[in-house]
Amino acid sequence: MVKIEGTLDEIRELIGDVKRTTRSVKSTTKKVAKAAKGTTRKLSAWQRYIKNKSNHIKFKRGDKKGRLDLKRMSAAFKRSRKK
């Protein structure tokens, strides 16, 4: 614990400064987060392929049952890109 001594006006002045500082820090972090969130890059062709639920190929049995079979998905992706 920190012991603060002084008149009531002095203490209010100290605490008021702290509140203003925390508000400005919070607002600045919100602005930075919003700016960082706003800049998105274009997804690669593979990422767009993976994102599409109809392209999902899953293991049907064994330990990996239900997981995505990325090896077969990769082969299908490469075949679809071939012209």
C-alpha atoms as a PDB file:
ATOM      1  CA  MET A   1       0.000   0.000   0.000  1.00  0.00           C
ATOM      2  CA  VAL A   2       1.109   3.533  -0.685  1.00  0.00           C
ATOM      3  CA  LYS A   3       0.520   6.211   1.913  1.00  0.00           C
ATOM      4  CA  ILE A   4      -0.510   9.586   0.506  1.00  0.00           C
ATOM      5  CA  GLU A   5      -0.306  12.662   2.690  1.00  0.00           C
ATOM      6  CA  GLY A   6      -1.452  16.161   1.899  1.00  0.00           C
ATOM      7  CA  THR A   7      -4.498  18.389   1.776  1.00  0.00           C
ATOM      8  CA  LEU A   8      -7.672  17.176   0.124  1.00  0.00           C
ATOM      9  CA  ASP A   9      -7.151  19.554  -2.814  1.00  0.00           C
ATOM     10  CA  GLU A  10      -3.604  18.257  -3.409  1.00  0.00           C
ATOM     11  CA  ILE A  11      -4.789  14.639  -3.321  1.00  0.00           C
ATOM     12  CA  ARG A  12      -7.654  15.366  -5.722  1.00  0.00           C
ATOM     13  CA  GLU A  13      -5.200  17.063  -8.063  1.00  0.00           C
ATOM     14  CA  LEU A  14      -2.901  14.004  -8.027  1.00  0.00           C
ATOM     15  CA  ILE A  15      -5.693  11.489  -8.547  1.00  0.00           C
ATOM     16  CA  GLY A  16      -7.295  13.626 -11.261  1.00  0.00           C
ATOM     17  CA  ASP A  17      -4.054  13.573 -13.256  1.00  0.00           C
ATOM     18  CA  VAL A  18      -3.882   9.798 -12.975  1.00  0.00           C
ATOM     19  CA  LYS A  19      -7.448   9.421 -14.233  1.00  0.00           C
ATOM     20  CA  ARG A  20      -6.783  11.711 -17.200  1.00  0.00           C
ATOM     21  CA  THR A  21      -3.627   9.790 -18.059  1.00  0.00           C
ATOM     22  CA  THR A  22      -5.383   6.415 -17.957  1.00  0.00           C
ATOM     23  CA  ARG A  23      -8.179   7.761 -20.159  1.00  0.00           C
ATOM     24  CA  SER A  24      -5.724   9.039 -22.743  1.00  0.00           C
ATOM     25  CA  VAL A  25      -3.822   5.743 -22.728  1.00  0.00           C
ATOM     26  CA  LYS A  26      -7.060   3.772 -23.178  1.00  0.00           C
ATOM     27  CA  SER A  27      -8.223   5.973 -26.042  1.00  0.00           C
ATOM     28  CA  THR A  28      -4.825   5.739 -27.740  1.00  0.00           C
ATOM     29  CA  THR A  29      -4.786   1.929 -27.498  1.00  0.00           C
ATOM     30  CA  LYS A  30      -8.304   1.764 -28.941  1.00  0.00           C
ATOM     31  CA  LYS A  31      -7.250   3.961 -31.880  1.00  0.00           C
ATOM     32  CA  VAL A  32      -4.154   1.848 -32.554  1.00  0.00           C
ATOM     33  CA  ALA A  33      -6.138  -1.397 -32.335  1.00  0.00           C
ATOM     34  CA  LYS A  34      -8.753  -0.022 -34.717  1.00  0.00           C
ATOM     35  CA  ALA A  35      -6.080   1.076 -37.200  1.00  0.00           C
ATOM     36  CA  ALA A  36      -4.332  -2.296 -37.020  1.00  0.00           C
ATOM     37  CA  LYS A  37      -7.633  -4.129 -37.443  1.00  0.00           C
ATOM     38  CA  GLY A  38      -8.605  -2.007 -40.445  1.00  0.00           C
ATOM     39  CA  THR A  39      -5.611  -3.001 -42.544  1.00  0.00           C
ATOM     40  CA  THR A  40      -6.227  -6.461 -43.978  1.00  0.00           C
ATOM     41  CA  ARG A  41      -4.278  -8.134 -46.731  1.00  0.00           C
ATOM     42  CA  LYS A  42      -5.658 -10.230 -49.552  1.00  0.00           C
ATOM     43  CA  LEU A  43      -5.829 -13.969 -48.803  1.00  0.00           C
ATOM     44  CA  SER A  44      -3.729 -16.287 -50.956  1.00  0.00           C
ATOM     45  CA  ALA A  45      -5.428 -18.718 -53.341  1.00  0.00           C
ATOM     46  CA  TRP A  46      -4.707 -21.627 -50.953  1.00  0.00           C
ATOM     47  CA  GLN A  47      -6.195 -19.742 -47.985  1.00  0.00           C
ATOM     48  CA  ARG A  48      -9.326 -18.964 -49.994  1.00  0.00           C
ATOM     49  CA  TYR A  49      -9.525 -22.647 -51.038  1.00  0.00           C
ATOM     50  CA  ILE A  50      -9.213 -23.809 -47.408  1.00  0.00           C
ATOM     51  CA  LYS A  51     -11.805 -21.261 -46.258  1.00  0.00           C
ATOM     52  CA  ASN A  52     -14.445 -22.775 -48.558  1.00  0.00           C
ATOM     53  CA  LYS A  53     -16.268 -25.484 -46.577  1.00  0.00           C
ATOM     54  CA  SER A  54     -17.147 -27.486 -49.714  1.00  0.00           C
ATOM     55  CA  ASN A  55     -13.436 -28.095 -50.402  1.00  0.00           C
ATOM     56  CA  HIS A  56     -12.832 -29.771 -47.026  1.00  0.00           C
ATOM     57  CA  ILE A  57     -11.684 -33.392 -47.292  1.00  0.00           C
ATOM     58  CA  LYS A  58     -11.663 -35.191 -43.952  1.00  0.00           C
ATOM     59  CA  PHE A  59     -10.235 -38.447 -42.663  1.00  0.00           C
ATOM     60  CA  LYS A  60     -13.025 -41.025 -42.422  1.00  0.00           C
ATOM     61  CA  ARG A  61     -11.459 -43.529 -40.009  1.00  0.00           C
ATOM     62  CA  GLY A  62      -8.483 -44.060 -37.740  1.00  0.00           C
ATOM     63  CA  ASP A  63      -6.871 -41.778 -35.192  1.00  0.00           C
ATOM     64  CA  LYS A  64      -7.310 -38.695 -37.357  1.00  0.00           C
ATOM     65  CA  LYS A  65     -11.024 -39.274 -38.059  1.00  0.00           C
ATOM     66  CA  GLY A  66     -12.824 -35.964 -38.549  1.00  0.00           C
ATOM     67  CA  ARG A  67      -9.663 -33.910 -39.094  1.00  0.00           C
ATOM     68  CA  LEU A  68      -8.836 -32.234 -42.389  1.00  0.00           C
ATOM     69  CA  ASP A  69      -6.753 -34.339 -44.770  1.00  0.00           C
ATOM     70  CA  LEU A  70      -4.429 -31.563 -45.934  1.00  0.00           C
ATOM     71  CA  LYS A  71      -2.401 -33.894 -48.168  1.00  0.00           C
ATOM     72  CA  ARG A  72      -5.437 -34.829 -50.265  1.00  0.00           C
ATOM     73  CA  MET A  73      -6.739 -31.259 -50.157  1.00  0.00           C
ATOM     74  CA  SER A  74      -3.398 -30.012 -51.463  1.00  0.00           C
ATOM     75  CA  ALA A  75      -3.486 -32.492 -54.335  1.00  0.00           C
ATOM     76  CA  ALA A  76      -7.052 -31.475 -55.216  1.00  0.00           C
ATOM     77  CA  PHE A  77      -6.090 -27.795 -55.061  1.00  0.00           C
ATOM     78  CA  LYS A  78      -3.115 -28.332 -57.368  1.00  0.00           C
ATOM     79  CA  ARG A  79      -5.304 -30.300 -59.822  1.00  0.00           C
ATOM     80  CA  SER A  80      -7.923 -27.540 -59.843  1.00  0.00           C
ATOM     81  CA  ARG A  81      -5.272 -24.893 -60.574  1.00  0.00           C
ATOM     82  CA  LYS A  82      -3.790 -26.874 -63.493  1.00  0.00           C
ATOM     83  CA  LYS A  83      -4.998 -25.709 -66.917  1.00  0.00           C
END
